[in-house]
């Protein structure tokens, strides 16, 4: 890397699900639909913490 950013922290699907308080299946759906970027490592997926934060930031809406 260029050194401009810290190394990304990769999370497992289970860690993302716990962080977002949703099921692992919901995270898999987000990954497969392309809404949540992920990297495939072998048979599993890894998601950067920054991508989770960005997804949540974009998902907020104002009610009322």
PDB file of N, CA and C in Angstrom:
ATOM      1  N   UNK A   1       0.829  -1.176   0.000  1.00  0.00           N
ATOM      2  CA  UNK A   1       0.000   0.000   0.000  1.00  0.00           C
ATOM      3  C   UNK A   1       0.877   1.245   0.000  1.00  0.00           C
ATOM      4  N   UNK A   2       0.256   2.363  -0.299  1.00  0.00           N
ATOM      5  CA  UNK A   2       1.012   3.596  -0.431  1.00  0.00           C
ATOM      6  C   UNK A   2       1.387   4.212   0.911  1.00  0.00           C
ATOM      7  N   UNK A   3       0.784   3.714   2.013  1.00  0.00           N
ATOM      8  CA  UNK A   3       1.089   4.267   3.314  1.00  0.00           C
ATOM      9  C   UNK A   3       0.167   5.408   3.707  1.00  0.00           C
ATOM     10  N   UNK A   4      -0.734   5.833   2.799  1.00  0.00           N
ATOM     11  CA  UNK A   4      -1.666   6.912   3.103  1.00  0.00           C
ATOM     12  C   UNK A   4      -2.730   6.468   4.109  1.00  0.00           C
ATOM     13  N   UNK A   5      -3.087   5.197   4.074  1.00  0.00           N
ATOM     14  CA  UNK A   5      -4.125   4.672   4.942  1.00  0.00           C
ATOM     15  C   UNK A   5      -3.570   3.510   5.748  1.00  0.00           C
ATOM     16  N   UNK A   6      -4.125   3.303   6.919  1.00  0.00           N
ATOM     17  CA  UNK A   6      -3.746   2.143   7.713  1.00  0.00           C
ATOM     18  C   UNK A   6      -4.234   0.885   6.997  1.00  0.00           C
ATOM     19  N   UNK A   7      -3.607  -0.239   7.295  1.00  0.00           N
ATOM     20  CA  UNK A   7      -4.057  -1.493   6.697  1.00  0.00           C
ATOM     21  C   UNK A   7      -5.503  -1.740   7.096  1.00  0.00           C
ATOM     22  N   UNK A   8      -6.329  -2.168   6.133  1.00  0.00           N
ATOM     23  CA  UNK A   8      -7.740  -2.385   6.453  1.00  0.00           C
ATOM     24  C   UNK A   8      -7.915  -3.557   7.419  1.00  0.00           C
ATOM     25  N   UNK A   9      -8.894  -3.456   8.292  1.00  0.00           N
ATOM     26  CA  UNK A   9      -9.206  -4.550   9.209  1.00  0.00           C
ATOM     27  C   UNK A   9     -10.302  -5.377   8.572  1.00  0.00           C
ATOM     28  N   UNK A  10     -10.017  -6.649   8.330  1.00  0.00           N
ATOM     29  CA  UNK A  10     -10.984  -7.542   7.710  1.00  0.00           C
ATOM     30  C   UNK A  10     -11.783  -8.274   8.774  1.00  0.00           C
ATOM     31  N   UNK A  11     -13.090  -8.328   8.557  1.00  0.00           N
ATOM     32  CA  UNK A  11     -14.007  -8.988   9.480  1.00  0.00           C
ATOM     33  C   UNK A  11     -14.642 -10.198   8.818  1.00  0.00           C
ATOM     34  N   UNK A  12     -14.953 -11.208   9.616  1.00  0.00           N
ATOM     35  CA  UNK A  12     -15.686 -12.364   9.097  1.00  0.00           C
ATOM     36  C   UNK A  12     -17.157 -12.000   8.990  1.00  0.00           C
ATOM     37  N   UNK A  13     -17.914 -12.835   8.299  1.00  0.00           N
ATOM     38  CA  UNK A  13     -19.356 -12.625   8.179  1.00  0.00           C
ATOM     39  C   UNK A  13     -19.994 -12.641   9.565  1.00  0.00           C
ATOM     40  N   UNK A  14     -19.555 -13.534  10.436  1.00  0.00           N
ATOM     41  CA  UNK A  14     -20.104 -13.611  11.792  1.00  0.00           C
ATOM     42  C   UNK A  14     -19.822 -12.323  12.569  1.00  0.00           C
ATOM     43  N   UNK A  15     -18.626 -11.772  12.406  1.00  0.00           N
ATOM     44  CA  UNK A  15     -18.279 -10.528  13.097  1.00  0.00           C
ATOM     45  C   UNK A  15     -19.114  -9.358  12.581  1.00  0.00           C
ATOM     46  N   UNK A  16     -19.322  -9.317  11.264  1.00  0.00           N
ATOM     47  CA  UNK A  16     -20.154  -8.259  10.669  1.00  0.00           C
ATOM     48  C   UNK A  16     -21.585  -8.389  11.178  1.00  0.00           C
ATOM     49  N   UNK A  17     -22.098  -9.612  11.221  1.00  0.00           N
ATOM     50  CA  UNK A  17     -23.464  -9.847  11.696  1.00  0.00           C
ATOM     51  C   UNK A  17     -23.620  -9.396  13.150  1.00  0.00           C
ATOM     52  N   UNK A  18     -22.646  -9.698  13.976  1.00  0.00           N
ATOM     53  CA  UNK A  18     -22.704  -9.296  15.383  1.00  0.00           C
ATOM     54  C   UNK A  18     -22.634  -7.778  15.507  1.00  0.00           C
ATOM     55  N   UNK A  19     -21.794  -7.167  14.696  1.00  0.00           N
ATOM     56  CA  UNK A  19     -21.625  -5.715  14.728  1.00  0.00           C
ATOM     57  C   UNK A  19     -22.914  -5.000  14.323  1.00  0.00           C
ATOM     58  N   UNK A  20     -23.598  -5.544  13.316  1.00  0.00           N
ATOM     59  CA  UNK A  20     -24.819  -4.923  12.794  1.00  0.00           C
ATOM     60  C   UNK A  20     -26.078  -5.423  13.498  1.00  0.00           C
ATOM     61  N   UNK A  21     -25.925  -6.422  14.383  1.00  0.00           N
ATOM     62  CA  UNK A  21     -27.055  -7.037  15.087  1.00  0.00           C
ATOM     63  C   UNK A  21     -28.074  -7.639  14.114  1.00  0.00           C
ATOM     64  N   UNK A  22     -27.552  -8.369  13.121  1.00  0.00           N
ATOM     65  CA  UNK A  22     -28.393  -9.083  12.161  1.00  0.00           C
ATOM     66  C   UNK A  22     -27.883 -10.512  12.052  1.00  0.00           C
ATOM     67  N   UNK A  23     -28.592 -11.344  11.315  1.00  0.00           N
ATOM     68  CA  UNK A  23     -28.146 -12.729  11.140  1.00  0.00           C
ATOM     69  C   UNK A  23     -27.028 -12.804  10.090  1.00  0.00           C
ATOM     70  N   UNK A  24     -26.297 -13.911  10.126  1.00  0.00           N
ATOM     71  CA  UNK A  24     -25.254 -14.120   9.119  1.00  0.00           C
ATOM     72  C   UNK A  24     -25.872 -14.197   7.725  1.00  0.00           C
ATOM     73  N   UNK A  25     -27.080 -14.769   7.620  1.00  0.00           N
ATOM     74  CA  UNK A  25     -27.749 -14.870   6.316  1.00  0.00           C
ATOM     75  C   UNK A  25     -28.002 -13.490   5.728  1.00  0.00           C
ATOM     76  N   UNK A  26     -28.353 -12.528   6.566  1.00  0.00           N
ATOM     77  CA  UNK A  26     -28.572 -11.161   6.089  1.00  0.00           C
ATOM     78  C   UNK A  26     -27.273 -10.592   5.514  1.00  0.00           C
ATOM     79  N   UNK A  27     -26.167 -10.848   6.175  1.00  0.00           N
ATOM     80  CA  UNK A  27     -24.865 -10.365   5.681  1.00  0.00           C
ATOM     81  C   UNK A  27     -24.538 -11.041   4.355  1.00  0.00           C
ATOM     82  N   UNK A  28     -24.768 -12.355   4.254  1.00  0.00           N
ATOM     83  CA  UNK A  28     -24.527 -13.055   2.989  1.00  0.00           C
ATOM     84  C   UNK A  28     -25.378 -12.471   1.864  1.00  0.00           C
ATOM     85  N   UNK A  29     -26.635 -12.138   2.162  1.00  0.00           N
ATOM     86  CA  UNK A  29     -27.497 -11.533   1.144  1.00  0.00           C
ATOM     87  C   UNK A  29     -26.937 -10.194   0.676  1.00  0.00           C
ATOM     88  N   UNK A  30     -26.473  -9.376   1.620  1.00  0.00           N
ATOM     89  CA  UNK A  30     -25.888  -8.075   1.270  1.00  0.00           C
ATOM     90  C   UNK A  30     -24.638  -8.244   0.408  1.00  0.00           C
ATOM     91  N   UNK A  31     -23.823  -9.229   0.744  1.00  0.00           N
ATOM     92  CA  UNK A  31     -22.601  -9.491  -0.027  1.00  0.00           C
ATOM     93  C   UNK A  31     -22.953  -9.970  -1.434  1.00  0.00           C
ATOM     94  N   UNK A  32     -23.849 -10.947  -1.529  1.00  0.00           N
ATOM     95  CA  UNK A  32     -24.195 -11.507  -2.834  1.00  0.00           C
ATOM     96  C   UNK A  32     -24.928 -10.512  -3.732  1.00  0.00           C
ATOM     97  N   UNK A  33     -25.667  -9.580  -3.137  1.00  0.00           N
ATOM     98  CA  UNK A  33     -26.371  -8.579  -3.936  1.00  0.00           C
ATOM     99  C   UNK A  33     -25.452  -7.438  -4.366  1.00  0.00           C
ATOM    100  N   UNK A  34     -24.259  -7.384  -3.762  1.00  0.00           N
ATOM    101  CA  UNK A  34     -23.319  -6.326  -4.108  1.00  0.00           C
ATOM    102  C   UNK A  34     -23.464  -5.070  -3.261  1.00  0.00           C
ATOM    103  N   UNK A  35     -24.414  -5.068  -2.328  1.00  0.00           N
ATOM    104  CA  UNK A  35     -24.605  -3.898  -1.469  1.00  0.00           C
ATOM    105  C   UNK A  35     -23.461  -3.718  -0.482  1.00  0.00           C
ATOM    106  N   UNK A  36     -22.840  -4.827  -0.091  1.00  0.00           N
ATOM    107  CA  UNK A  36     -21.728  -4.800   0.853  1.00  0.00           C
ATOM    108  C   UNK A  36     -20.521  -5.455   0.188  1.00  0.00           C
ATOM    109  N   UNK A  37     -19.488  -4.670  -0.138  1.00  0.00           N
ATOM    110  CA  UNK A  37     -18.309  -5.244  -0.801  1.00  0.00           C
ATOM    111  C   UNK A  37     -17.607  -6.263   0.099  1.00  0.00           C
ATOM    112  N   UNK A  38     -17.128  -7.337  -0.503  1.00  0.00           N
ATOM    113  CA  UNK A  38     -16.433  -8.373   0.256  1.00  0.00           C
ATOM    114  C   UNK A  38     -15.352  -9.009  -0.604  1.00  0.00           C
ATOM    115  N   UNK A  39     -14.408  -9.632   0.072  1.00  0.00           N
ATOM    116  CA  UNK A  39     -13.331 -10.358  -0.594  1.00  0.00           C
ATOM    117  C   UNK A  39     -13.524 -11.828  -0.266  1.00  0.00           C
ATOM    118  N   UNK A  40     -13.421 -12.664  -1.284  1.00  0.00           N
ATOM    119  CA  UNK A  40     -13.557 -14.101  -1.043  1.00  0.00           C
ATOM    120  C   UNK A  40     -12.179 -14.674  -0.727  1.00  0.00           C
ATOM    121  N   UNK A  41     -12.099 -15.372   0.401  1.00  0.00           N
ATOM    122  CA  UNK A  41     -10.859 -16.030   0.818  1.00  0.00           C
ATOM    123  C   UNK A  41     -11.196 -17.503   0.979  1.00  0.00           C
ATOM    124  N   UNK A  42     -10.770 -18.287   0.006  1.00  0.00           N
ATOM    125  CA  UNK A  42     -11.150 -19.697   0.023  1.00  0.00           C
ATOM    126  C   UNK A  42     -12.652 -19.816  -0.141  1.00  0.00           C
ATOM    127  N   UNK A  43     -13.291 -20.458   0.839  1.00  0.00           N
ATOM    128  CA  UNK A  43     -14.744 -20.620   0.778  1.00  0.00           C
ATOM    129  C   UNK A  43     -15.486 -19.603   1.632  1.00  0.00           C
ATOM    130  N   UNK A  44     -14.754 -18.677   2.241  1.00  0.00           N
ATOM    131  CA  UNK A  44     -15.410 -17.699   3.111  1.00  0.00           C
ATOM    132  C   UNK A  44     -15.222 -16.280   2.586  1.00  0.00           C
ATOM    133  N   UNK A  45     -15.944 -15.364   3.178  1.00  0.00           N
ATOM    134  CA  UNK A  45     -15.870 -13.960   2.779  1.00  0.00           C
ATOM    135  C   UNK A  45     -15.278 -13.133   3.907  1.00  0.00           C
ATOM    136  N   UNK A  46     -14.605 -12.053   3.532  1.00  0.00           N
ATOM    137  CA  UNK A  46     -14.105 -11.077   4.492  1.00  0.00           C
ATOM    138  C   UNK A  46     -14.558  -9.705   4.023  1.00  0.00           C
ATOM    139  N   UNK A  47     -14.962  -8.887   4.989  1.00  0.00           N
ATOM    140  CA  UNK A  47     -15.463  -7.551   4.710  1.00  0.00           C
ATOM    141  C   UNK A  47     -14.624  -6.572   5.515  1.00  0.00           C
ATOM    142  N   UNK A  48     -14.212  -5.475   4.890  1.00  0.00           N
ATOM    143  CA  UNK A  48     -13.426  -4.503   5.651  1.00  0.00           C
ATOM    144  C   UNK A  48     -14.345  -3.728   6.591  1.00  0.00           C
ATOM    145  N   UNK A  49     -13.790  -3.346   7.724  1.00  0.00           N
ATOM    146  CA  UNK A  49     -14.546  -2.575   8.709  1.00  0.00           C
ATOM    147  C   UNK A  49     -15.009  -1.250   8.102  1.00  0.00           C
ATOM    148  N   UNK A  50     -14.163  -0.652   7.251  1.00  0.00           N
ATOM    149  CA  UNK A  50     -14.525   0.603   6.589  1.00  0.00           C
ATOM    150  C   UNK A  50     -15.754   0.427   5.693  1.00  0.00           C
ATOM    151  N   UNK A  51     -15.834  -0.711   4.982  1.00  0.00           N
ATOM    152  CA  UNK A  51     -16.987  -0.965   4.115  1.00  0.00           C
ATOM    153  C   UNK A  51     -18.267  -1.146   4.928  1.00  0.00           C
ATOM    154  N   UNK A  52     -18.158  -1.777   6.099  1.00  0.00           N
ATOM    155  CA  UNK A  52     -19.326  -1.923   6.972  1.00  0.00           C
ATOM    156  C   UNK A  52     -19.774  -0.543   7.445  1.00  0.00           C
ATOM    157  N   UNK A  53     -18.821   0.273   7.898  1.00  0.00           N
ATOM    158  CA  UNK A  53     -19.144   1.629   8.361  1.00  0.00           C
ATOM    159  C   UNK A  53     -19.801   2.451   7.253  1.00  0.00           C
ATOM    160  N   UNK A  54     -19.262   2.345   6.051  1.00  0.00           N
ATOM    161  CA  UNK A  54     -19.811   3.094   4.912  1.00  0.00           C
ATOM    162  C   UNK A  54     -21.225   2.626   4.570  1.00  0.00           C
ATOM    163  N   UNK A  55     -21.448   1.323   4.589  1.00  0.00           N
ATOM    164  CA  UNK A  55     -22.783   0.780   4.310  1.00  0.00           C
ATOM    165  C   UNK A  55     -23.786   1.307   5.335  1.00  0.00           C
ATOM    166  N   UNK A  56     -23.407   1.270   6.606  1.00  0.00           N
ATOM    167  CA  UNK A  56     -24.302   1.750   7.654  1.00  0.00           C
ATOM    168  C   UNK A  56     -24.547   3.247   7.532  1.00  0.00           C
ATOM    169  N   UNK A  57     -23.517   3.994   7.202  1.00  0.00           N
ATOM    170  CA  UNK A  57     -23.658   5.445   7.044  1.00  0.00           C
ATOM    171  C   UNK A  57     -24.659   5.773   5.942  1.00  0.00           C
ATOM    172  N   UNK A  58     -24.556   5.043   4.819  1.00  0.00           N
ATOM    173  CA  UNK A  58     -25.457   5.284   3.687  1.00  0.00           C
ATOM    174  C   UNK A  58     -26.877   4.785   3.965  1.00  0.00           C
ATOM    175  N   UNK A  59     -27.021   3.876   4.908  1.00  0.00           N
ATOM    176  CA  UNK A  59     -28.330   3.275   5.195  1.00  0.00           C
ATOM    177  C   UNK A  59     -29.174   4.103   6.145  1.00  0.00           C
ATOM    178  N   UNK A  60     -28.566   5.062   6.832  1.00  0.00           N
ATOM    179  CA  UNK A  60     -29.338   5.873   7.759  1.00  0.00           C
ATOM    180  C   UNK A  60     -30.363   6.721   7.013  1.00  0.00           C
ATOM    181  N   UNK A  61     -31.522   6.882   7.604  1.00  0.00           N
ATOM    182  CA  UNK A  61     -32.526   7.767   7.034  1.00  0.00           C
ATOM    183  C   UNK A  61     -33.226   8.494   8.170  1.00  0.00           C
ATOM    184  N   UNK A  62     -33.796   9.596   7.854  1.00  0.00           N
ATOM    185  CA  UNK A  62     -34.479  10.417   8.846  1.00  0.00           C
ATOM    186  C   UNK A  62     -35.968  10.062   8.854  1.00  0.00           C
ATOM    187  N   UNK A  63     -36.451   9.592   9.987  1.00  0.00           N
ATOM    188  CA  UNK A  63     -37.868   9.254  10.118  1.00  0.00           C
ATOM    189  C   UNK A  63     -38.616  10.431  10.738  1.00  0.00           C
ATOM    190  N   UNK A  64     -39.659  10.856  10.057  1.00  0.00           N
ATOM    191  CA  UNK A  64     -40.467  11.923  10.613  1.00  0.00           C
ATOM    192  C   UNK A  64     -40.269  13.138   9.842  1.00  0.00           C
TER     193      UNK A  64
END
